[in-house]
Amino acid sequence: MQTMSLNVSKGFTKIDRNVIMDSRLSQNALRMYCIMMTLKANQYAGNAYFQKAMKISQASVTRARKELISTGYLEVQRINKLEYRAFLGNSQVSGLEVKRRFYNDELHTTKS
């Protein structure tokens, strides 16, 4: 899964306080969100990556991802059978909005 987020900062990761305090998220979902925020744009991180980084089962990774999707922080797009792209938002901008901005920017840059 390739990640796309609005958080780009060298050496530090800024985590939205409202996401941290969101009671809809389990500890695993919050940890996954934090780890995803540390990834660079277009960096690949599959389920095995999160299993190893978080020391949790495949089922726990799946549940955490579903929580992030259901709360709007994460939007996942299927590219092909084995490849996905993840768009990570925050309390102000949903994952869906990050996806929309990504494709709008991509369209503008490819037209030039």
N, C-alpha and C. Protein backbone atom coordinates (compact mmCIF):
# COMPACT_ATOMS: atom_id res chain seq x y z
N MET A 1 0.85 -1.16 0.00
CA MET A 1 0.00 0.00 0.00
C MET A 1 0.90 1.23 0.00
N GLN A 2 0.74 2.10 -0.95
CA GLN A 2 1.47 3.36 -0.98
C GLN A 2 0.69 4.39 -0.18
N THR A 3 1.40 5.24 0.55
CA THR A 3 0.71 6.22 1.37
C THR A 3 0.84 7.63 0.81
N MET A 4 -0.22 8.39 0.96
CA MET A 4 -0.25 9.80 0.59
C MET A 4 -0.85 10.55 1.77
N SER A 5 -0.16 11.55 2.29
CA SER A 5 -0.72 12.33 3.39
C SER A 5 -0.31 13.79 3.22
N LEU A 6 -0.95 14.64 4.00
CA LEU A 6 -0.64 16.07 3.96
C LEU A 6 0.47 16.43 4.94
N ASN A 7 0.96 15.46 5.69
CA ASN A 7 1.96 15.72 6.72
C ASN A 7 3.35 15.46 6.17
N VAL A 8 4.11 16.52 5.92
CA VAL A 8 5.47 16.37 5.45
C VAL A 8 6.35 17.24 6.33
N SER A 9 7.19 16.62 7.13
CA SER A 9 8.06 17.35 8.03
C SER A 9 9.33 16.52 8.24
N LYS A 10 10.47 17.14 8.09
CA LYS A 10 11.73 16.42 8.18
C LYS A 10 12.12 16.14 9.63
N GLY A 11 12.26 14.85 9.95
CA GLY A 11 12.74 14.46 11.26
C GLY A 11 11.69 14.33 12.35
N PHE A 12 10.51 14.89 12.14
CA PHE A 12 9.46 14.85 13.14
C PHE A 12 8.15 14.47 12.48
N THR A 13 7.26 13.94 13.27
CA THR A 13 5.92 13.62 12.78
C THR A 13 4.93 14.38 13.64
N LYS A 14 4.09 15.16 13.00
CA LYS A 14 3.04 15.89 13.71
C LYS A 14 1.77 15.07 13.65
N ILE A 15 1.21 14.81 14.81
CA ILE A 15 -0.03 14.05 14.89
C ILE A 15 -1.13 14.98 15.39
N ASP A 16 -2.22 15.03 14.67
CA ASP A 16 -3.37 15.85 15.01
C ASP A 16 -3.89 15.47 16.40
N ARG A 17 -3.97 16.42 17.29
CA ARG A 17 -4.44 16.19 18.65
C ARG A 17 -5.85 15.59 18.67
N ASN A 18 -6.70 16.03 17.74
CA ASN A 18 -8.06 15.51 17.69
C ASN A 18 -8.09 14.03 17.29
N VAL A 19 -7.16 13.61 16.48
CA VAL A 19 -7.06 12.20 16.13
C VAL A 19 -6.62 11.41 17.35
N ILE A 20 -5.63 11.91 18.06
CA ILE A 20 -5.14 11.24 19.27
C ILE A 20 -6.26 11.07 20.28
N MET A 21 -7.12 12.06 20.41
CA MET A 21 -8.19 12.03 21.41
C MET A 21 -9.48 11.38 20.90
N ASP A 22 -9.50 10.94 19.66
CA ASP A 22 -10.71 10.35 19.07
C ASP A 22 -11.03 9.02 19.73
N SER A 23 -12.09 8.98 20.51
CA SER A 23 -12.45 7.77 21.26
C SER A 23 -12.97 6.65 20.37
N ARG A 24 -13.22 6.94 19.09
CA ARG A 24 -13.67 5.89 18.17
C ARG A 24 -12.53 4.98 17.75
N LEU A 25 -11.30 5.41 17.98
CA LEU A 25 -10.13 4.64 17.56
C LEU A 25 -9.59 3.78 18.69
N SER A 26 -9.32 2.53 18.37
CA SER A 26 -8.65 1.65 19.32
C SER A 26 -7.17 2.05 19.39
N GLN A 27 -6.46 1.48 20.34
CA GLN A 27 -5.02 1.76 20.44
C GLN A 27 -4.29 1.30 19.19
N ASN A 28 -4.68 0.16 18.65
CA ASN A 28 -4.03 -0.33 17.43
C ASN A 28 -4.29 0.59 16.25
N ALA A 29 -5.50 1.08 16.11
CA ALA A 29 -5.82 1.99 15.01
C ALA A 29 -5.03 3.29 15.15
N LEU A 30 -4.94 3.80 16.36
CA LEU A 30 -4.17 5.02 16.59
C LEU A 30 -2.69 4.80 16.29
N ARG A 31 -2.15 3.67 16.73
CA ARG A 31 -0.74 3.36 16.46
C ARG A 31 -0.50 3.23 14.96
N MET A 32 -1.43 2.57 14.26
CA MET A 32 -1.28 2.43 12.81
C MET A 32 -1.31 3.80 12.15
N TYR A 33 -2.20 4.67 12.59
CA TYR A 33 -2.27 6.03 12.05
C TYR A 33 -0.93 6.74 12.25
N CYS A 34 -0.39 6.64 13.45
CA CYS A 34 0.89 7.30 13.74
C CYS A 34 2.01 6.75 12.86
N ILE A 35 2.05 5.44 12.71
CA ILE A 35 3.08 4.84 11.85
C ILE A 35 2.89 5.29 10.41
N MET A 36 1.65 5.32 9.95
CA MET A 36 1.39 5.75 8.57
C MET A 36 1.83 7.20 8.36
N MET A 37 1.67 8.03 9.38
CA MET A 37 2.08 9.43 9.27
C MET A 37 3.60 9.57 9.14
N THR A 38 4.35 8.57 9.59
CA THR A 38 5.80 8.64 9.49
C THR A 38 6.31 8.24 8.11
N LEU A 39 5.46 7.60 7.33
CA LEU A 39 5.88 7.12 6.01
C LEU A 39 5.99 8.26 5.02
N LYS A 40 6.96 8.16 4.14
CA LYS A 40 7.11 9.15 3.07
C LYS A 40 6.07 8.88 2.00
N ALA A 41 5.75 9.91 1.23
CA ALA A 41 4.81 9.75 0.12
C ALA A 41 5.34 8.68 -0.83
N ASN A 42 4.46 7.83 -1.28
CA ASN A 42 4.75 6.73 -2.19
C ASN A 42 5.56 5.60 -1.56
N GLN A 43 5.78 5.64 -0.27
CA GLN A 43 6.49 4.54 0.39
C GLN A 43 5.54 3.37 0.54
N TYR A 44 6.01 2.16 0.22
CA TYR A 44 5.19 0.97 0.32
C TYR A 44 5.21 0.44 1.74
N ALA A 45 4.02 0.12 2.26
CA ALA A 45 3.91 -0.51 3.58
C ALA A 45 2.70 -1.42 3.55
N GLY A 46 2.94 -2.70 3.45
CA GLY A 46 1.86 -3.68 3.42
C GLY A 46 1.47 -4.15 4.81
N ASN A 47 0.53 -5.07 4.85
CA ASN A 47 0.07 -5.60 6.12
C ASN A 47 1.20 -6.21 6.92
N ALA A 48 2.12 -6.89 6.26
CA ALA A 48 3.25 -7.51 6.97
C ALA A 48 4.10 -6.44 7.67
N TYR A 49 4.24 -5.29 7.03
CA TYR A 49 4.99 -4.18 7.63
C TYR A 49 4.36 -3.76 8.95
N PHE A 50 3.03 -3.59 8.95
CA PHE A 50 2.33 -3.17 10.17
C PHE A 50 2.32 -4.27 11.22
N GLN A 51 2.19 -5.52 10.79
CA GLN A 51 2.25 -6.64 11.72
C GLN A 51 3.58 -6.63 12.47
N LYS A 52 4.65 -6.47 11.73
CA LYS A 52 5.99 -6.49 12.33
C LYS A 52 6.23 -5.25 13.19
N ALA A 53 5.89 -4.08 12.67
CA ALA A 53 6.13 -2.83 13.39
C ALA A 53 5.33 -2.74 14.68
N MET A 54 4.10 -3.25 14.64
CA MET A 54 3.20 -3.13 15.79
C MET A 54 3.15 -4.40 16.64
N LYS A 55 3.76 -5.48 16.12
CA LYS A 55 3.75 -6.78 16.81
C LYS A 55 2.32 -7.23 17.11
N ILE A 56 1.49 -7.22 16.05
CA ILE A 56 0.10 -7.65 16.16
C ILE A 56 -0.23 -8.61 15.03
N SER A 57 -1.37 -9.26 15.12
CA SER A 57 -1.78 -10.25 14.13
C SER A 57 -2.33 -9.59 12.87
N GLN A 58 -2.44 -10.39 11.81
CA GLN A 58 -3.04 -9.94 10.55
C GLN A 58 -4.47 -9.45 10.80
N ALA A 59 -5.23 -10.17 11.61
CA ALA A 59 -6.61 -9.77 11.91
C ALA A 59 -6.66 -8.42 12.62
N SER A 60 -5.72 -8.16 13.50
CA SER A 60 -5.66 -6.88 14.20
C SER A 60 -5.30 -5.74 13.25
N VAL A 61 -4.41 -6.01 12.31
CA VAL A 61 -4.07 -5.01 11.29
C VAL A 61 -5.31 -4.68 10.47
N THR A 62 -6.05 -5.68 10.07
CA THR A 62 -7.26 -5.48 9.28
C THR A 62 -8.29 -4.67 10.06
N ARG A 63 -8.50 -5.00 11.33
CA ARG A 63 -9.46 -4.25 12.16
C ARG A 63 -9.04 -2.80 12.31
N ALA A 64 -7.75 -2.56 12.55
CA ALA A 64 -7.26 -1.19 12.72
C ALA A 64 -7.46 -0.39 11.43
N ARG A 65 -7.16 -0.99 10.31
CA ARG A 65 -7.35 -0.32 9.01
C ARG A 65 -8.82 0.01 8.79
N LYS A 66 -9.71 -0.92 9.11
CA LYS A 66 -11.15 -0.69 8.95
C LYS A 66 -11.64 0.45 9.85
N GLU A 67 -11.09 0.56 11.05
CA GLU A 67 -11.44 1.66 11.95
C GLU A 67 -11.03 3.00 11.35
N LEU A 68 -9.83 3.05 10.80
CA LEU A 68 -9.35 4.29 10.20
C LEU A 68 -10.20 4.68 8.99
N ILE A 69 -10.64 3.69 8.24
CA ILE A 69 -11.50 3.96 7.08
C ILE A 69 -12.87 4.44 7.55
N SER A 70 -13.45 3.75 8.51
CA SER A 70 -14.80 4.10 8.96
C SER A 70 -14.87 5.47 9.63
N THR A 71 -13.77 5.92 10.22
CA THR A 71 -13.75 7.25 10.85
C THR A 71 -13.38 8.35 9.86
N GLY A 72 -13.01 7.97 8.64
CA GLY A 72 -12.71 8.95 7.60
C GLY A 72 -11.27 9.40 7.53
N TYR A 73 -10.43 8.87 8.41
CA TYR A 73 -9.03 9.27 8.40
C TYR A 73 -8.26 8.63 7.26
N LEU A 74 -8.75 7.50 6.77
CA LEU A 74 -8.04 6.75 5.73
C LEU A 74 -8.98 6.43 4.58
N GLU A 75 -8.50 6.66 3.39
CA GLU A 75 -9.19 6.27 2.16
C GLU A 75 -8.23 5.35 1.40
N VAL A 76 -8.72 4.19 0.99
CA VAL A 76 -7.87 3.23 0.29
C VAL A 76 -8.42 3.02 -1.11
N GLN A 77 -7.53 3.09 -2.08
CA GLN A 77 -7.89 2.90 -3.48
C GLN A 77 -7.17 1.67 -4.01
N ARG A 78 -7.90 0.78 -4.64
CA ARG A 78 -7.29 -0.41 -5.23
C ARG A 78 -6.74 -0.05 -6.61
N ILE A 79 -5.46 -0.30 -6.82
CA ILE A 79 -4.79 -0.03 -8.09
C ILE A 79 -4.89 -1.27 -8.99
N ASN A 80 -4.56 -2.42 -8.43
CA ASN A 80 -4.72 -3.70 -9.12
C ASN A 80 -4.88 -4.79 -8.06
N LYS A 81 -4.82 -6.03 -8.47
CA LYS A 81 -5.09 -7.15 -7.56
C LYS A 81 -4.23 -7.12 -6.30
N LEU A 82 -2.99 -6.70 -6.42
CA LEU A 82 -2.06 -6.74 -5.29
C LEU A 82 -1.59 -5.37 -4.80
N GLU A 83 -2.07 -4.31 -5.41
CA GLU A 83 -1.54 -2.99 -5.09
C GLU A 83 -2.67 -2.03 -4.71
N TYR A 84 -2.43 -1.29 -3.63
CA TYR A 84 -3.40 -0.32 -3.12
C TYR A 84 -2.68 1.00 -2.87
N ARG A 85 -3.43 2.07 -2.85
CA ARG A 85 -2.89 3.38 -2.50
C ARG A 85 -3.71 3.90 -1.33
N ALA A 86 -3.04 4.37 -0.29
CA ALA A 86 -3.70 4.87 0.91
C ALA A 86 -3.57 6.38 0.98
N PHE A 87 -4.67 7.03 1.30
CA PHE A 87 -4.70 8.48 1.47
C PHE A 87 -5.06 8.76 2.91
N LEU A 88 -4.15 9.41 3.63
CA LEU A 88 -4.30 9.61 5.06
C LEU A 88 -4.66 11.07 5.35
N GLY A 89 -5.77 11.26 6.02
CA GLY A 89 -6.21 12.60 6.39
C GLY A 89 -5.99 12.86 7.86
N ASN A 90 -6.75 13.83 8.37
CA ASN A 90 -6.71 14.17 9.80
C ASN A 90 -8.08 14.67 10.22
N SER A 91 -8.19 15.38 11.33
CA SER A 91 -9.50 15.81 11.80
C SER A 91 -10.06 16.95 10.95
N GLN A 92 -9.22 17.63 10.21
CA GLN A 92 -9.67 18.75 9.37
C GLN A 92 -9.91 18.35 7.92
N VAL A 93 -9.15 17.39 7.44
CA VAL A 93 -9.20 16.97 6.04
C VAL A 93 -9.31 15.44 6.01
N SER A 94 -10.38 14.93 5.44
CA SER A 94 -10.58 13.47 5.40
C SER A 94 -9.62 12.81 4.41
N GLY A 95 -9.48 11.52 4.55
CA GLY A 95 -8.68 10.75 3.59
C GLY A 95 -9.22 10.89 2.18
N LEU A 96 -10.54 10.96 2.06
CA LEU A 96 -11.17 11.14 0.75
C LEU A 96 -10.78 12.48 0.13
N GLU A 97 -10.71 13.52 0.94
CA GLU A 97 -10.30 14.84 0.45
C GLU A 97 -8.82 14.83 0.03
N VAL A 98 -7.98 14.13 0.78
CA VAL A 98 -6.56 13.99 0.40
C VAL A 98 -6.47 13.31 -0.97
N LYS A 99 -7.28 12.28 -1.17
CA LYS A 99 -7.31 11.59 -2.46
C LYS A 99 -7.73 12.55 -3.58
N ARG A 100 -8.78 13.31 -3.33
CA ARG A 100 -9.26 14.27 -4.33
C ARG A 100 -8.16 15.28 -4.67
N ARG A 101 -7.50 15.82 -3.66
CA ARG A 101 -6.42 16.79 -3.88
C ARG A 101 -5.26 16.17 -4.64
N PHE A 102 -4.92 14.93 -4.28
CA PHE A 102 -3.83 14.23 -4.95
C PHE A 102 -4.11 14.13 -6.45
N TYR A 103 -5.31 13.71 -6.80
CA TYR A 103 -5.63 13.54 -8.23
C TYR A 103 -5.81 14.87 -8.94
N ASN A 104 -6.29 15.89 -8.25
CA ASN A 104 -6.37 17.21 -8.87
C ASN A 104 -4.98 17.75 -9.16
N ASP A 105 -4.06 17.60 -8.19
CA ASP A 105 -2.69 18.04 -8.41
C ASP A 105 -2.03 17.24 -9.53
N GLU A 106 -2.27 15.93 -9.54
CA GLU A 106 -1.68 15.07 -10.58
C GLU A 106 -2.18 15.46 -11.96
N LEU A 107 -3.46 15.78 -12.07
CA LEU A 107 -4.03 16.21 -13.35
C LEU A 107 -3.42 17.53 -13.80
N HIS A 108 -3.25 18.45 -12.88
CA HIS A 108 -2.68 19.75 -13.23
C HIS A 108 -1.21 19.62 -13.66
N THR A 109 -0.47 18.75 -12.99
CA THR A 109 0.96 18.62 -13.33
C THR A 109 1.17 17.85 -14.63
N THR A 110 0.25 16.95 -14.97
CA THR A 110 0.44 16.17 -16.21
C THR A 110 -0.04 16.93 -17.44
N LYS A 111 -0.88 17.95 -17.27
CA LYS A 111 -1.36 18.73 -18.40
C LYS A 111 -0.32 19.70 -18.93
N SER A 112 0.62 20.08 -18.09
CA SER A 112 1.64 21.08 -18.49
C SER A 112 2.57 20.57 -19.54
